[in-house]
């Protein structure tokens, strides 16, 4: 089955990304941190076999800057729509037109998310029509659809969602279940939005390093060492 993984990304411009980390970080530090998140994450995702990596970018003129960061081995498409629901719907429709039979979305705020969770989500779509990974802030870090779900589920699953609130996952799961489609649930994970989240990420990476585990977000680890020194 032909699968694509779509990363929603912003151009890492100061005062435009990770703004909830300001004033704990300066606008420039927040943008540098977002750059580390994004490049680390895309490098990790590039290891997935038989999956096309797609960067859905905003604003419209961001492609050259993001391409300079991420490289030419991924597909770039602009985000289209007035809100997140419309942009997700538009990207899903684009992917369906390309013939993808598994379409998954992730953000770039969870650089330590185990890649095994992504592999698990792709495998789940063999037997389920949708898959979703809840984040600890009440949102979700991944959502995906099989070809069977495209006409019955999208765009309905993205309608009437209170975006950027702690109710996003609960509302989305309720929408999925109301549409009578099968759903696979992934383990929860965390996003990095606030200074408290950032401190947790630093502690988590340090603990993994001390325990001898693999740290996939090496740029993020290096930057956090500077910020917390």
C-alpha atoms as a PDB file:
ATOM      1  CA  UNK A   1       0.000   0.000   0.000  1.00  0.00           C
ATOM      2  CA  UNK A   2       1.235   3.468  -0.877  1.00  0.00           C
ATOM      3  CA  UNK A   3       1.712   5.566   2.273  1.00  0.00           C
ATOM      4  CA  UNK A   4       2.586   9.185   2.902  1.00  0.00           C
ATOM      5  CA  UNK A   5       3.439  10.980   6.114  1.00  0.00           C
ATOM      6  CA  UNK A   6       2.578  14.673   6.085  1.00  0.00           C
ATOM      7  CA  UNK A   7       4.409  16.977   8.492  1.00  0.00           C
ATOM      8  CA  UNK A   8       2.729  20.313   9.142  1.00  0.00           C
ATOM      9  CA  UNK A   9       5.510  22.899   9.399  1.00  0.00           C
ATOM     10  CA  UNK A  10       5.996  26.641   9.683  1.00  0.00           C
ATOM     11  CA  UNK A  11       8.853  28.786   8.499  1.00  0.00           C
ATOM     12  CA  UNK A  12      11.041  29.184  11.633  1.00  0.00           C
ATOM     13  CA  UNK A  13      10.846  32.966  11.865  1.00  0.00           C
ATOM     14  CA  UNK A  14      11.182  34.742  15.244  1.00  0.00           C
ATOM     15  CA  UNK A  15       7.809  35.708  16.777  1.00  0.00           C
ATOM     16  CA  UNK A  16       6.034  33.290  14.423  1.00  0.00           C
ATOM     17  CA  UNK A  17       6.912  29.911  15.988  1.00  0.00           C
ATOM     18  CA  UNK A  18       6.909  28.542  19.562  1.00  0.00           C
ATOM     19  CA  UNK A  19       5.558  31.874  20.818  1.00  0.00           C
ATOM     20  CA  UNK A  20       4.305  30.317  24.068  1.00  0.00           C
ATOM     21  CA  UNK A  21       7.953  29.826  25.040  1.00  0.00           C
ATOM     22  CA  UNK A  22       8.420  33.605  25.013  1.00  0.00           C
ATOM     23  CA  UNK A  23       9.591  35.327  27.246  1.00  0.00           C
ATOM     24  CA  UNK A  24      11.263  32.260  28.826  1.00  0.00           C
ATOM     25  CA  UNK A  25      13.161  32.172  25.534  1.00  0.00           C
ATOM     26  CA  UNK A  26      13.829  35.104  23.256  1.00  0.00           C
ATOM     27  CA  UNK A  27      11.985  35.091  19.915  1.00  0.00           C
ATOM     28  CA  UNK A  28      15.259  34.160  18.225  1.00  0.00           C
ATOM     29  CA  UNK A  29      15.920  31.279  20.636  1.00  0.00           C
ATOM     30  CA  UNK A  30      12.365  30.012  20.156  1.00  0.00           C
ATOM     31  CA  UNK A  31      12.822  30.023  16.385  1.00  0.00           C
ATOM     32  CA  UNK A  32      16.175  28.235  16.693  1.00  0.00           C
ATOM     33  CA  UNK A  33      14.577  25.619  18.936  1.00  0.00           C
ATOM     34  CA  UNK A  34      11.742  25.074  16.457  1.00  0.00           C
ATOM     35  CA  UNK A  35      14.335  24.635  13.693  1.00  0.00           C
ATOM     36  CA  UNK A  36      16.060  21.949  15.774  1.00  0.00           C
ATOM     37  CA  UNK A  37      12.742  20.196  16.446  1.00  0.00           C
ATOM     38  CA  UNK A  38      11.813  20.191  12.777  1.00  0.00           C
ATOM     39  CA  UNK A  39      15.144  19.086  11.341  1.00  0.00           C
ATOM     40  CA  UNK A  40      15.630  16.387  13.990  1.00  0.00           C
ATOM     41  CA  UNK A  41      12.117  15.078  13.420  1.00  0.00           C
ATOM     42  CA  UNK A  42      12.340  15.002   9.632  1.00  0.00           C
ATOM     43  CA  UNK A  43      15.701  13.219   9.853  1.00  0.00           C
ATOM     44  CA  UNK A  44      14.089  10.578  12.076  1.00  0.00           C
ATOM     45  CA  UNK A  45      11.052  10.180   9.811  1.00  0.00           C
ATOM     46  CA  UNK A  46      13.274   9.763   6.754  1.00  0.00           C
ATOM     47  CA  UNK A  47      14.306   6.382   8.192  1.00  0.00           C
ATOM     48  CA  UNK A  48      10.812   4.951   7.644  1.00  0.00           C
ATOM     49  CA  UNK A  49      10.844   2.504   4.718  1.00  0.00           C
ATOM     50  CA  UNK A  50       8.374   2.769   1.842  1.00  0.00           C
ATOM     51  CA  UNK A  51       6.823   5.997   3.094  1.00  0.00           C
ATOM     52  CA  UNK A  52       6.834   9.306   1.223  1.00  0.00           C
ATOM     53  CA  UNK A  53       7.617  12.251   3.499  1.00  0.00           C
ATOM     54  CA  UNK A  54       5.602  15.401   2.718  1.00  0.00           C
ATOM     55  CA  UNK A  55       6.127  18.843   4.236  1.00  0.00           C
ATOM     56  CA  UNK A  56       2.920  20.899   4.319  1.00  0.00           C
ATOM     57  CA  UNK A  57       4.259  24.393   4.850  1.00  0.00           C
ATOM     58  CA  UNK A  58       3.059  27.847   5.795  1.00  0.00           C
ATOM     59  CA  UNK A  59       3.242  30.699   4.884  1.00  0.00           C
ATOM     60  CA  UNK A  60       2.962  30.392   1.121  1.00  0.00           C
ATOM     61  CA  UNK A  61       6.476  31.715   0.482  1.00  0.00           C
ATOM     62  CA  UNK A  62       8.153  29.379   3.004  1.00  0.00           C
ATOM     63  CA  UNK A  63       9.200  26.555   0.683  1.00  0.00           C
ATOM     64  CA  UNK A  64      12.705  27.801  -0.230  1.00  0.00           C
ATOM     65  CA  UNK A  65      13.664  28.364   3.421  1.00  0.00           C
ATOM     66  CA  UNK A  66      12.295  25.002   4.566  1.00  0.00           C
ATOM     67  CA  UNK A  67      13.873  23.243   1.606  1.00  0.00           C
ATOM     68  CA  UNK A  68      17.239  24.686   2.613  1.00  0.00           C
ATOM     69  CA  UNK A  69      16.756  23.184   6.096  1.00  0.00           C
ATOM     70  CA  UNK A  70      15.204  19.821   5.268  1.00  0.00           C
ATOM     71  CA  UNK A  71      16.558  19.086   1.797  1.00  0.00           C
ATOM     72  CA  UNK A  72      15.233  17.934  -1.546  1.00  0.00           C
ATOM     73  CA  UNK A  73      14.346  14.330  -0.700  1.00  0.00           C
ATOM     74  CA  UNK A  74      10.860  15.203   0.505  1.00  0.00           C
ATOM     75  CA  UNK A  75       7.722  16.559  -1.170  1.00  0.00           C
ATOM     76  CA  UNK A  76       6.602  20.129  -0.432  1.00  0.00           C
ATOM     77  CA  UNK A  77       2.993  21.316  -0.555  1.00  0.00           C
ATOM     78  CA  UNK A  78       1.475  24.559   0.762  1.00  0.00           C
ATOM     79  CA  UNK A  79      -1.083  24.516   3.537  1.00  0.00           C
ATOM     80  CA  UNK A  80      -4.442  25.697   2.182  1.00  0.00           C
ATOM     81  CA  UNK A  81      -7.385  26.757   4.321  1.00  0.00           C
ATOM     82  CA  UNK A  82      -8.597  29.274   6.866  1.00  0.00           C
ATOM     83  CA  UNK A  83      -8.159  27.055   9.936  1.00  0.00           C
ATOM     84  CA  UNK A  84      -6.384  23.837  10.852  1.00  0.00           C
ATOM     85  CA  UNK A  85      -9.372  21.686   9.953  1.00  0.00           C
ATOM     86  CA  UNK A  86      -9.542  23.101   6.447  1.00  0.00           C
ATOM     87  CA  UNK A  87      -5.785  22.730   6.010  1.00  0.00           C
ATOM     88  CA  UNK A  88      -5.864  19.104   7.115  1.00  0.00           C
ATOM     89  CA  UNK A  89      -8.775  18.405   4.788  1.00  0.00           C
ATOM     90  CA  UNK A  90      -7.018  20.065   1.855  1.00  0.00           C
ATOM     91  CA  UNK A  91      -3.809  18.092   2.440  1.00  0.00           C
ATOM     92  CA  UNK A  92      -5.784  14.844   2.704  1.00  0.00           C
ATOM     93  CA  UNK A  93      -7.512  15.565  -0.588  1.00  0.00           C
ATOM     94  CA  UNK A  94      -4.150  16.296  -2.223  1.00  0.00           C
ATOM     95  CA  UNK A  95      -2.722  13.002  -0.963  1.00  0.00           C
ATOM     96  CA  UNK A  96      -5.767  11.036  -2.131  1.00  0.00           C
ATOM     97  CA  UNK A  97      -5.360  12.503  -5.626  1.00  0.00           C
ATOM     98  CA  UNK A  98      -1.751  11.286  -5.652  1.00  0.00           C
ATOM     99  CA  UNK A  99      -3.005   7.748  -5.069  1.00  0.00           C
ATOM    100  CA  UNK A 100      -1.877   7.282  -1.478  1.00  0.00           C
ATOM    101  CA  UNK A 101      -3.867   4.618   0.333  1.00  0.00           C
ATOM    102  CA  UNK A 102      -2.501   5.439   3.784  1.00  0.00           C
ATOM    103  CA  UNK A 103      -2.348   9.110   4.764  1.00  0.00           C
ATOM    104  CA  UNK A 104      -0.883  10.167   8.105  1.00  0.00           C
ATOM    105  CA  UNK A 105      -0.326  13.568   9.679  1.00  0.00           C
ATOM    106  CA  UNK A 106       2.165  14.568  12.361  1.00  0.00           C
ATOM    107  CA  UNK A 107       3.333  17.882  13.733  1.00  0.00           C
ATOM    108  CA  UNK A 108       6.854  18.903  14.666  1.00  0.00           C
ATOM    109  CA  UNK A 109       6.438  19.525  18.400  1.00  0.00           C
ATOM    110  CA  UNK A 110       7.381  16.027  19.603  1.00  0.00           C
ATOM    111  CA  UNK A 111      11.000  15.473  18.518  1.00  0.00           C
ATOM    112  CA  UNK A 112      11.478  12.496  20.873  1.00  0.00           C
ATOM    113  CA  UNK A 113       8.346  10.627  19.770  1.00  0.00           C
ATOM    114  CA  UNK A 114       9.429   7.015  19.199  1.00  0.00           C
ATOM    115  CA  UNK A 115       9.507   6.200  15.507  1.00  0.00           C
ATOM    116  CA  UNK A 116       8.012   2.832  16.463  1.00  0.00           C
ATOM    117  CA  UNK A 117       4.752   4.671  17.171  1.00  0.00           C
ATOM    118  CA  UNK A 118       4.692   5.860  13.555  1.00  0.00           C
ATOM    119  CA  UNK A 119       5.387   2.355  12.277  1.00  0.00           C
ATOM    120  CA  UNK A 120       2.627   1.048  14.530  1.00  0.00           C
ATOM    121  CA  UNK A 121       0.184   3.618  13.122  1.00  0.00           C
ATOM    122  CA  UNK A 122       1.017   2.635   9.541  1.00  0.00           C
ATOM    123  CA  UNK A 123       0.485  -1.040  10.372  1.00  0.00           C
ATOM    124  CA  UNK A 124      -2.813  -0.286  12.121  1.00  0.00           C
ATOM    125  CA  UNK A 125      -4.220   1.132   8.903  1.00  0.00           C
ATOM    126  CA  UNK A 126      -4.095  -2.364   7.400  1.00  0.00           C
ATOM    127  CA  UNK A 127      -7.052  -3.324   9.582  1.00  0.00           C
ATOM    128  CA  UNK A 128      -8.512  -0.003  10.746  1.00  0.00           C
ATOM    129  CA  UNK A 129      -9.879   2.970   8.854  1.00  0.00           C
ATOM    130  CA  UNK A 130      -8.426   5.624  11.137  1.00  0.00           C
ATOM    131  CA  UNK A 131      -5.641   5.884  13.708  1.00  0.00           C
ATOM    132  CA  UNK A 132      -4.929   8.595  16.271  1.00  0.00           C
ATOM    133  CA  UNK A 133      -2.234   9.273  18.856  1.00  0.00           C
ATOM    134  CA  UNK A 134      -3.313  11.372  21.853  1.00  0.00           C
ATOM    135  CA  UNK A 135      -0.999  13.979  23.323  1.00  0.00           C
ATOM    136  CA  UNK A 136      -0.889  14.759  27.011  1.00  0.00           C
ATOM    137  CA  UNK A 137      -2.122  18.329  26.482  1.00  0.00           C
ATOM    138  CA  UNK A 138      -5.483  17.124  25.167  1.00  0.00           C
ATOM    139  CA  UNK A 139      -4.648  17.280  21.468  1.00  0.00           C
ATOM    140  CA  UNK A 140      -3.140  14.595  19.249  1.00  0.00           C
ATOM    141  CA  UNK A 141       0.313  14.112  17.781  1.00  0.00           C
ATOM    142  CA  UNK A 142      -0.786  11.886  14.878  1.00  0.00           C
ATOM    143  CA  UNK A 143      -3.912  11.170  12.889  1.00  0.00           C
ATOM    144  CA  UNK A 144      -4.154   8.875   9.902  1.00  0.00           C
ATOM    145  CA  UNK A 145      -6.622   7.450   7.418  1.00  0.00           C
ATOM    146  CA  UNK A 146      -6.865   4.440   5.152  1.00  0.00           C
ATOM    147  CA  UNK A 147      -8.270   4.712   1.640  1.00  0.00           C
ATOM    148  CA  UNK A 148     -11.569   3.299   2.905  1.00  0.00           C
ATOM    149  CA  UNK A 149     -11.977   6.214   5.315  1.00  0.00           C
ATOM    150  CA  UNK A 150     -11.337   9.028   2.856  1.00  0.00           C
ATOM    151  CA  UNK A 151     -14.903   9.435   1.611  1.00  0.00           C
ATOM    152  CA  UNK A 152     -16.697   8.579   4.862  1.00  0.00           C
ATOM    153  CA  UNK A 153     -14.467  10.335   7.370  1.00  0.00           C
ATOM    154  CA  UNK A 154     -12.723  13.298   5.762  1.00  0.00           C
ATOM    155  CA  UNK A 155     -13.573  16.194   6.076  1.00  0.00           C
ATOM    156  CA  UNK A 156     -16.234  15.384   8.685  1.00  0.00           C
ATOM    157  CA  UNK A 157     -13.689  14.428  11.328  1.00  0.00           C
ATOM    158  CA  UNK A 158     -12.158  17.916  11.171  1.00  0.00           C
ATOM    159  CA  UNK A 159     -15.441  19.817  11.483  1.00  0.00           C
ATOM    160  CA  UNK A 160     -16.582  21.625  14.643  1.00  0.00           C
ATOM    161  CA  UNK A 161     -13.347  21.030  16.542  1.00  0.00           C
ATOM    162  CA  UNK A 162     -12.209  23.591  19.131  1.00  0.00           C
ATOM    163  CA  UNK A 163      -8.655  23.806  17.807  1.00  0.00           C
ATOM    164  CA  UNK A 164      -5.801  24.727  20.173  1.00  0.00           C
ATOM    165  CA  UNK A 165      -7.745  23.616  23.239  1.00  0.00           C
ATOM    166  CA  UNK A 166      -7.522  20.665  25.620  1.00  0.00           C
ATOM    167  CA  UNK A 167     -10.649  19.201  23.984  1.00  0.00           C
ATOM    168  CA  UNK A 168      -9.222  18.464  20.532  1.00  0.00           C
ATOM    169  CA  UNK A 169      -8.517  14.750  21.036  1.00  0.00           C
ATOM    170  CA  UNK A 170     -11.787  14.082  22.867  1.00  0.00           C
ATOM    171  CA  UNK A 171     -13.849  15.897  20.227  1.00  0.00           C
ATOM    172  CA  UNK A 172     -12.012  14.259  17.342  1.00  0.00           C
ATOM    173  CA  UNK A 173     -12.396  10.765  18.776  1.00  0.00           C
ATOM    174  CA  UNK A 174     -16.105  11.422  19.315  1.00  0.00           C
ATOM    175  CA  UNK A 175     -16.412  12.530  15.685  1.00  0.00           C
ATOM    176  CA  UNK A 176     -14.630   9.399  14.460  1.00  0.00           C
ATOM    177  CA  UNK A 177     -16.876   7.137  16.502  1.00  0.00           C
ATOM    178  CA  UNK A 178     -20.005   8.969  15.366  1.00  0.00           C
ATOM    179  CA  UNK A 179     -19.015   8.217  11.773  1.00  0.00           C
ATOM    180  CA  UNK A 180     -18.998   4.474  12.551  1.00  0.00           C
ATOM    181  CA  UNK A 181     -15.461   3.901  11.294  1.00  0.00           C
ATOM    182  CA  UNK A 182     -12.885   1.711  13.006  1.00  0.00           C
ATOM    183  CA  UNK A 183     -10.134   3.470  14.938  1.00  0.00           C
ATOM    184  CA  UNK A 184      -6.745   2.430  16.302  1.00  0.00           C
ATOM    185  CA  UNK A 185      -5.371   4.217  19.368  1.00  0.00           C
ATOM    186  CA  UNK A 186      -1.659   4.801  19.889  1.00  0.00           C
ATOM    187  CA  UNK A 187       0.036   5.346  23.274  1.00  0.00           C
ATOM    188  CA  UNK A 188      -0.017   8.938  24.545  1.00  0.00           C
ATOM    189  CA  UNK A 189       2.985  11.234  24.119  1.00  0.00           C
ATOM    190  CA  UNK A 190       3.788  14.860  24.845  1.00  0.00           C
ATOM    191  CA  UNK A 191       4.137  18.058  22.806  1.00  0.00           C
ATOM    192  CA  UNK A 192       6.463  20.949  23.577  1.00  0.00           C
ATOM    193  CA  UNK A 193       4.463  24.169  23.850  1.00  0.00           C
ATOM    194  CA  UNK A 194       5.236  25.767  27.219  1.00  0.00           C
ATOM    195  CA  UNK A 195       8.314  26.400  29.350  1.00  0.00           C
ATOM    196  CA  UNK A 196       7.202  23.544  31.617  1.00  0.00           C
ATOM    197  CA  UNK A 197       7.081  21.219  28.606  1.00  0.00           C
ATOM    198  CA  UNK A 198      10.560  22.353  27.629  1.00  0.00           C
ATOM    199  CA  UNK A 199      11.949  21.593  31.083  1.00  0.00           C
ATOM    200  CA  UNK A 200      10.346  18.135  30.931  1.00  0.00           C
ATOM    201  CA  UNK A 201      11.900  17.506  27.504  1.00  0.00           C
ATOM    202  CA  UNK A 202      15.325  18.477  28.828  1.00  0.00           C
ATOM    203  CA  UNK A 203      14.935  16.144  31.804  1.00  0.00           C
ATOM    204  CA  UNK A 204      13.599  13.328  29.607  1.00  0.00           C
ATOM    205  CA  UNK A 205      16.483  13.505  27.138  1.00  0.00           C
ATOM    206  CA  UNK A 206      19.013  13.702  29.979  1.00  0.00           C
ATOM    207  CA  UNK A 207      17.464  10.640  31.623  1.00  0.00           C
ATOM    208  CA  UNK A 208      17.520   8.677  28.356  1.00  0.00           C
ATOM    209  CA  UNK A 209      21.168   9.602  27.847  1.00  0.00           C
ATOM    210  CA  UNK A 210      22.122   8.556  31.385  1.00  0.00           C
ATOM    211  CA  UNK A 211      20.234   5.277  30.964  1.00  0.00           C
ATOM    212  CA  UNK A 212      22.161   4.524  27.789  1.00  0.00           C
ATOM    213  CA  UNK A 213      19.133   4.843  25.545  1.00  0.00           C
ATOM    214  CA  UNK A 214      19.058   6.203  22.016  1.00  0.00           C
ATOM    215  CA  UNK A 215      18.459   9.940  21.706  1.00  0.00           C
ATOM    216  CA  UNK A 216      17.140  10.674  18.244  1.00  0.00           C
ATOM    217  CA  UNK A 217      16.827  14.472  18.635  1.00  0.00           C
ATOM    218  CA  UNK A 218      20.524  15.322  18.672  1.00  0.00           C
ATOM    219  CA  UNK A 219      20.215  18.964  17.569  1.00  0.00           C
ATOM    220  CA  UNK A 220      17.515  19.514  20.146  1.00  0.00           C
ATOM    221  CA  UNK A 221      19.640  17.868  22.838  1.00  0.00           C
ATOM    222  CA  UNK A 222      22.613  20.102  22.048  1.00  0.00           C
ATOM    223  CA  UNK A 223      20.522  23.256  22.029  1.00  0.00           C
ATOM    224  CA  UNK A 224      18.789  22.390  25.300  1.00  0.00           C
ATOM    225  CA  UNK A 225      22.186  21.804  26.924  1.00  0.00           C
ATOM    226  CA  UNK A 226      23.090  25.401  26.015  1.00  0.00           C
ATOM    227  CA  UNK A 227      19.757  26.835  27.149  1.00  0.00           C
ATOM    228  CA  UNK A 228      19.769  25.044  30.509  1.00  0.00           C
ATOM    229  CA  UNK A 229      23.477  25.440  31.279  1.00  0.00           C
END
